Amino acid sequence: MKGILLYIWCLPQNLLGLALRLIYKGNDSIYEDAIVRRSTKMLGGISLGKYIIISQWAKKATVMHEYGHCRQSRYLGWFYLLVIGIPSLVWAGLYGWIVKPSVNGYYRFFTEKWADKLGNVKR
């Protein structure tokens, strides 16, 4: 699935990604077929459709991980936000606060483990 059909298949997250690009000013680049915005305002990273927004200082592994989320978006289409987006945001909010941090523990959650696999990230 390419072009406009893929964009529509991922429309809810693509629209959110566009909105966040307006909020998070920074430099853009392309990774694979995703648009990557590096911003000094972003602390971590988020992927919405074809858009990745990450910290200006993020390492390549972060870009690769976030690209894994882009691939999840393509697989799940309109279900991405329910299956991946919301659980991932909740996990990020709870991790370190309610969930005790451990080495790579954040990436053991199903949404993050799958994103690592799809992005070819080895931890």
N, C-alpha and C. Protein backbone atom coordinates (compact mmCIF):
# COMPACT_ATOMS: atom_id res chain seq x y z
N MET A 1 0.86 -1.17 0.00
CA MET A 1 0.00 0.00 0.00
C MET A 1 0.91 1.24 0.00
N LYS A 2 0.71 2.11 -0.96
CA LYS A 2 1.58 3.28 -1.09
C LYS A 2 0.76 4.56 -1.23
N GLY A 3 1.47 5.66 -1.05
CA GLY A 3 0.90 6.97 -1.34
C GLY A 3 -0.33 7.33 -0.54
N ILE A 4 -1.32 7.83 -1.25
CA ILE A 4 -2.52 8.38 -0.61
C ILE A 4 -3.31 7.32 0.15
N LEU A 5 -3.34 6.08 -0.37
CA LEU A 5 -4.07 5.02 0.34
C LEU A 5 -3.44 4.71 1.69
N LEU A 6 -2.12 4.66 1.73
CA LEU A 6 -1.42 4.42 3.00
C LEU A 6 -1.65 5.58 3.95
N TYR A 7 -1.62 6.80 3.44
CA TYR A 7 -1.85 7.96 4.29
C TYR A 7 -3.24 7.90 4.92
N ILE A 8 -4.24 7.52 4.13
CA ILE A 8 -5.62 7.40 4.64
C ILE A 8 -5.72 6.24 5.62
N TRP A 9 -5.06 5.12 5.34
CA TRP A 9 -5.07 3.96 6.22
C TRP A 9 -4.55 4.35 7.62
N CYS A 10 -3.63 5.28 7.67
CA CYS A 10 -3.03 5.75 8.93
C CYS A 10 -3.48 7.16 9.29
N LEU A 11 -4.62 7.59 8.78
CA LEU A 11 -5.05 8.99 8.88
C LEU A 11 -5.10 9.56 10.30
N PRO A 12 -5.72 8.88 11.27
CA PRO A 12 -5.79 9.51 12.60
C PRO A 12 -4.40 9.86 13.17
N GLN A 13 -3.47 8.92 13.09
CA GLN A 13 -2.14 9.18 13.62
C GLN A 13 -1.35 10.15 12.73
N ASN A 14 -1.58 10.12 11.42
CA ASN A 14 -0.92 11.09 10.54
C ASN A 14 -1.35 12.52 10.87
N LEU A 15 -2.63 12.72 11.14
CA LEU A 15 -3.12 14.06 11.48
C LEU A 15 -2.54 14.53 12.82
N LEU A 16 -2.47 13.61 13.80
CA LEU A 16 -1.85 13.97 15.08
C LEU A 16 -0.36 14.28 14.90
N GLY A 17 0.31 13.51 14.06
CA GLY A 17 1.72 13.75 13.79
C GLY A 17 1.95 15.11 13.15
N LEU A 18 1.10 15.47 12.21
CA LEU A 18 1.20 16.80 11.59
C LEU A 18 1.00 17.91 12.62
N ALA A 19 0.02 17.72 13.50
CA ALA A 19 -0.24 18.72 14.54
C ALA A 19 0.96 18.87 15.47
N LEU A 20 1.57 17.76 15.85
CA LEU A 20 2.74 17.83 16.74
C LEU A 20 3.94 18.48 16.05
N ARG A 21 4.05 18.31 14.74
CA ARG A 21 5.15 18.97 14.01
C ARG A 21 5.01 20.49 14.07
N LEU A 22 3.79 20.98 14.19
CA LEU A 22 3.58 22.43 14.34
C LEU A 22 4.00 22.90 15.73
N ILE A 23 3.85 22.04 16.72
CA ILE A 23 4.20 22.39 18.10
C ILE A 23 5.70 22.26 18.33
N TYR A 24 6.26 21.16 17.86
CA TYR A 24 7.68 20.87 18.09
C TYR A 24 8.50 21.35 16.89
N LYS A 25 8.99 22.55 16.99
CA LYS A 25 9.84 23.11 15.93
C LYS A 25 11.19 22.41 15.96
N GLY A 26 11.81 22.30 14.79
CA GLY A 26 13.12 21.67 14.73
C GLY A 26 13.52 21.36 13.31
N ASN A 27 14.51 20.50 13.18
CA ASN A 27 15.03 20.12 11.87
C ASN A 27 14.44 18.79 11.42
N ASP A 28 14.13 18.71 10.14
CA ASP A 28 13.56 17.48 9.57
C ASP A 28 14.59 16.72 8.76
N SER A 29 14.43 15.41 8.78
CA SER A 29 15.20 14.53 7.91
C SER A 29 14.30 13.35 7.58
N ILE A 30 14.82 12.47 6.74
CA ILE A 30 14.06 11.28 6.35
C ILE A 30 14.82 10.05 6.87
N TYR A 31 14.09 9.13 7.49
CA TYR A 31 14.65 7.83 7.84
C TYR A 31 13.75 6.79 7.21
N GLU A 32 14.34 5.97 6.34
CA GLU A 32 13.56 5.03 5.53
C GLU A 32 12.52 5.87 4.77
N ASP A 33 11.24 5.75 5.13
CA ASP A 33 10.21 6.55 4.46
C ASP A 33 9.41 7.38 5.47
N ALA A 34 10.01 7.65 6.62
CA ALA A 34 9.36 8.46 7.65
C ALA A 34 10.02 9.83 7.73
N ILE A 35 9.25 10.81 8.13
CA ILE A 35 9.76 12.16 8.34
C ILE A 35 10.13 12.29 9.82
N VAL A 36 11.39 12.60 10.07
CA VAL A 36 11.91 12.69 11.44
C VAL A 36 12.13 14.16 11.79
N ARG A 37 11.48 14.60 12.84
CA ARG A 37 11.66 15.96 13.35
C ARG A 37 12.46 15.87 14.64
N ARG A 38 13.62 16.50 14.66
CA ARG A 38 14.44 16.59 15.88
C ARG A 38 14.16 17.94 16.51
N SER A 39 13.79 17.91 17.78
CA SER A 39 13.40 19.14 18.47
C SER A 39 14.03 19.22 19.85
N THR A 40 14.43 20.44 20.24
CA THR A 40 14.97 20.64 21.58
C THR A 40 13.88 20.56 22.63
N LYS A 41 12.62 20.69 22.22
CA LYS A 41 11.50 20.64 23.17
C LYS A 41 11.07 19.21 23.52
N MET A 42 11.39 18.24 22.68
CA MET A 42 10.98 16.86 22.91
C MET A 42 12.00 16.18 23.82
N LEU A 43 11.52 15.53 24.85
CA LEU A 43 12.40 14.83 25.78
C LEU A 43 12.71 13.41 25.33
N GLY A 44 11.73 12.72 24.80
CA GLY A 44 11.91 11.34 24.36
C GLY A 44 11.65 11.22 22.88
N GLY A 45 10.60 10.49 22.55
CA GLY A 45 10.22 10.34 21.16
C GLY A 45 8.79 9.88 21.03
N ILE A 46 8.19 10.18 19.90
CA ILE A 46 6.84 9.72 19.60
C ILE A 46 6.73 9.50 18.10
N SER A 47 5.98 8.49 17.73
CA SER A 47 5.74 8.19 16.32
C SER A 47 4.25 8.20 16.06
N LEU A 48 3.85 8.94 15.07
CA LEU A 48 2.45 9.02 14.69
C LEU A 48 2.38 8.96 13.17
N GLY A 49 1.95 7.81 12.67
CA GLY A 49 1.88 7.62 11.22
C GLY A 49 3.25 7.66 10.61
N LYS A 50 3.42 8.53 9.64
CA LYS A 50 4.71 8.65 8.96
C LYS A 50 5.63 9.68 9.61
N TYR A 51 5.23 10.19 10.78
CA TYR A 51 5.97 11.25 11.45
C TYR A 51 6.61 10.75 12.75
N ILE A 52 7.88 11.06 12.91
CA ILE A 52 8.62 10.74 14.12
C ILE A 52 9.11 12.07 14.69
N ILE A 53 8.86 12.28 15.97
CA ILE A 53 9.35 13.47 16.65
C ILE A 53 10.20 13.01 17.82
N ILE A 54 11.46 13.40 17.81
CA ILE A 54 12.41 12.95 18.83
C ILE A 54 13.24 14.12 19.34
N SER A 55 13.92 13.84 20.44
CA SER A 55 14.85 14.82 21.00
C SER A 55 15.95 15.13 19.99
N GLN A 56 16.42 16.32 20.02
CA GLN A 56 17.52 16.74 19.14
C GLN A 56 18.76 15.87 19.38
N TRP A 57 18.89 15.35 20.59
CA TRP A 57 20.08 14.58 20.96
C TRP A 57 19.86 13.07 20.91
N ALA A 58 18.74 12.62 20.38
CA ALA A 58 18.44 11.19 20.33
C ALA A 58 19.46 10.44 19.47
N LYS A 59 19.75 9.22 19.90
CA LYS A 59 20.68 8.36 19.16
C LYS A 59 19.96 7.61 18.06
N LYS A 60 20.73 6.97 17.19
CA LYS A 60 20.15 6.24 16.07
C LYS A 60 19.21 5.14 16.53
N ALA A 61 19.53 4.49 17.65
CA ALA A 61 18.66 3.43 18.16
C ALA A 61 17.26 3.96 18.46
N THR A 62 17.17 5.22 18.91
CA THR A 62 15.86 5.82 19.17
C THR A 62 15.11 6.02 17.87
N VAL A 63 15.79 6.49 16.85
CA VAL A 63 15.16 6.67 15.53
C VAL A 63 14.67 5.32 15.01
N MET A 64 15.50 4.31 15.14
CA MET A 64 15.13 2.97 14.66
C MET A 64 13.93 2.43 15.43
N HIS A 65 13.92 2.63 16.75
CA HIS A 65 12.79 2.19 17.57
C HIS A 65 11.51 2.91 17.16
N GLU A 66 11.59 4.21 17.01
CA GLU A 66 10.41 4.98 16.61
C GLU A 66 9.94 4.58 15.21
N TYR A 67 10.88 4.25 14.34
CA TYR A 67 10.49 3.76 13.01
C TYR A 67 9.73 2.44 13.14
N GLY A 68 10.10 1.63 14.12
CA GLY A 68 9.33 0.41 14.39
C GLY A 68 7.88 0.73 14.69
N HIS A 69 7.64 1.81 15.43
CA HIS A 69 6.26 2.25 15.69
C HIS A 69 5.58 2.69 14.38
N CYS A 70 6.32 3.32 13.47
CA CYS A 70 5.75 3.69 12.17
C CYS A 70 5.27 2.44 11.43
N ARG A 71 6.06 1.39 11.51
CA ARG A 71 5.67 0.14 10.85
C ARG A 71 4.44 -0.47 11.51
N GLN A 72 4.35 -0.37 12.85
CA GLN A 72 3.15 -0.84 13.54
C GLN A 72 1.92 -0.09 13.02
N SER A 73 2.09 1.21 12.83
CA SER A 73 1.01 2.04 12.33
C SER A 73 0.52 1.54 10.98
N ARG A 74 1.43 1.16 10.12
CA ARG A 74 1.06 0.65 8.80
C ARG A 74 0.33 -0.68 8.89
N TYR A 75 0.73 -1.51 9.82
CA TYR A 75 0.06 -2.80 9.99
C TYR A 75 -1.35 -2.64 10.55
N LEU A 76 -1.50 -1.73 11.51
CA LEU A 76 -2.76 -1.63 12.26
C LEU A 76 -3.72 -0.56 11.74
N GLY A 77 -3.22 0.37 10.94
CA GLY A 77 -4.10 1.40 10.39
C GLY A 77 -4.81 2.18 11.48
N TRP A 78 -6.11 2.31 11.33
CA TRP A 78 -6.92 3.12 12.26
C TRP A 78 -6.93 2.54 13.68
N PHE A 79 -6.52 1.29 13.85
CA PHE A 79 -6.50 0.67 15.18
C PHE A 79 -5.21 0.98 15.95
N TYR A 80 -4.24 1.60 15.29
CA TYR A 80 -2.93 1.86 15.90
C TYR A 80 -3.03 2.61 17.23
N LEU A 81 -3.80 3.67 17.25
CA LEU A 81 -3.87 4.47 18.48
C LEU A 81 -4.46 3.68 19.64
N LEU A 82 -5.42 2.82 19.36
CA LEU A 82 -6.02 2.00 20.43
C LEU A 82 -5.10 0.87 20.88
N VAL A 83 -4.46 0.21 19.93
CA VAL A 83 -3.65 -0.97 20.24
C VAL A 83 -2.25 -0.60 20.71
N ILE A 84 -1.65 0.42 20.11
CA ILE A 84 -0.26 0.78 20.40
C ILE A 84 -0.14 2.16 21.07
N GLY A 85 -0.74 3.17 20.48
CA GLY A 85 -0.54 4.54 20.94
C GLY A 85 -0.93 4.79 22.38
N ILE A 86 -2.16 4.47 22.73
CA ILE A 86 -2.63 4.73 24.10
C ILE A 86 -1.89 3.87 25.12
N PRO A 87 -1.78 2.53 24.90
CA PRO A 87 -1.00 1.74 25.87
C PRO A 87 0.44 2.22 26.01
N SER A 88 1.07 2.61 24.92
CA SER A 88 2.45 3.07 24.96
C SER A 88 2.58 4.37 25.76
N LEU A 89 1.65 5.30 25.57
CA LEU A 89 1.67 6.55 26.33
C LEU A 89 1.44 6.31 27.82
N VAL A 90 0.50 5.41 28.14
CA VAL A 90 0.25 5.08 29.55
C VAL A 90 1.49 4.43 30.15
N TRP A 91 2.09 3.49 29.43
CA TRP A 91 3.31 2.83 29.91
C TRP A 91 4.42 3.85 30.15
N ALA A 92 4.62 4.77 29.22
CA ALA A 92 5.65 5.79 29.37
C ALA A 92 5.38 6.66 30.60
N GLY A 93 4.12 6.94 30.85
CA GLY A 93 3.77 7.76 32.02
C GLY A 93 3.96 7.03 33.33
N LEU A 94 3.72 5.73 33.34
CA LEU A 94 3.83 4.94 34.57
C LEU A 94 5.26 4.48 34.85
N TYR A 95 6.03 4.31 33.80
CA TYR A 95 7.37 3.75 33.96
C TYR A 95 8.25 4.72 34.75
N GLY A 96 8.85 4.21 35.80
CA GLY A 96 9.69 5.02 36.66
C GLY A 96 8.93 5.69 37.78
N TRP A 97 7.61 5.74 37.64
CA TRP A 97 6.79 6.34 38.68
C TRP A 97 6.13 5.23 39.49
N ILE A 98 5.38 4.37 38.82
CA ILE A 98 4.75 3.22 39.47
C ILE A 98 5.53 1.95 39.18
N VAL A 99 6.01 1.83 37.96
CA VAL A 99 6.79 0.67 37.56
C VAL A 99 8.26 0.97 37.83
N LYS A 100 8.89 0.10 38.61
CA LYS A 100 10.30 0.32 38.98
C LYS A 100 11.20 0.15 37.75
N PRO A 101 12.05 1.15 37.46
CA PRO A 101 12.95 1.05 36.31
C PRO A 101 13.98 -0.07 36.46
N SER A 102 14.34 -0.64 35.33
CA SER A 102 15.41 -1.64 35.28
C SER A 102 16.12 -1.47 33.94
N VAL A 103 17.24 -2.17 33.79
CA VAL A 103 18.00 -2.08 32.55
C VAL A 103 17.12 -2.54 31.39
N ASN A 104 16.88 -1.64 30.45
CA ASN A 104 16.03 -1.90 29.28
C ASN A 104 14.62 -2.35 29.63
N GLY A 105 14.22 -2.14 30.88
CA GLY A 105 12.89 -2.57 31.32
C GLY A 105 11.76 -1.90 30.56
N TYR A 106 11.97 -0.65 30.18
CA TYR A 106 10.94 0.08 29.43
C TYR A 106 10.59 -0.65 28.14
N TYR A 107 11.58 -1.26 27.53
CA TYR A 107 11.41 -1.90 26.23
C TYR A 107 10.89 -3.33 26.33
N ARG A 108 10.54 -3.77 27.51
CA ARG A 108 9.95 -5.11 27.68
C ARG A 108 8.44 -5.09 27.51
N PHE A 109 7.83 -3.92 27.55
CA PHE A 109 6.39 -3.79 27.34
C PHE A 109 6.08 -4.17 25.89
N PHE A 110 4.94 -4.82 25.65
CA PHE A 110 4.66 -5.39 24.33
C PHE A 110 4.74 -4.39 23.19
N THR A 111 4.28 -3.16 23.39
CA THR A 111 4.31 -2.17 22.31
C THR A 111 5.75 -1.81 21.95
N GLU A 112 6.59 -1.72 22.98
CA GLU A 112 7.98 -1.30 22.78
C GLU A 112 8.85 -2.44 22.27
N LYS A 113 8.59 -3.64 22.77
CA LYS A 113 9.34 -4.81 22.32
C LYS A 113 9.08 -5.05 20.83
N TRP A 114 7.81 -4.92 20.42
CA TRP A 114 7.47 -5.12 19.02
C TRP A 114 8.09 -4.02 18.15
N ALA A 115 8.08 -2.77 18.63
CA ALA A 115 8.69 -1.66 17.88
C ALA A 115 10.19 -1.90 17.70
N ASP A 116 10.85 -2.36 18.74
CA ASP A 116 12.28 -2.69 18.62
C ASP A 116 12.50 -3.75 17.55
N LYS A 117 11.67 -4.78 17.57
CA LYS A 117 11.82 -5.86 16.58
C LYS A 117 11.62 -5.34 15.16
N LEU A 118 10.57 -4.55 14.94
CA LEU A 118 10.28 -4.01 13.61
C LEU A 118 11.33 -2.99 13.17
N GLY A 119 11.94 -2.29 14.13
CA GLY A 119 12.97 -1.30 13.80
C GLY A 119 14.38 -1.87 13.79
N ASN A 120 14.50 -3.17 14.02
CA ASN A 120 15.81 -3.86 14.05
C ASN A 120 16.74 -3.31 15.13
N VAL A 121 16.19 -3.03 16.30
CA VAL A 121 16.97 -2.54 17.43
C VAL A 121 17.35 -3.74 18.30
N LYS A 122 18.63 -3.87 18.58
CA LYS A 122 19.13 -4.92 19.46
C LYS A 122 19.48 -4.29 20.79
N ARG A 123 18.90 -4.78 21.85
CA ARG A 123 19.19 -4.23 23.20
C ARG A 123 19.90 -5.30 24.02
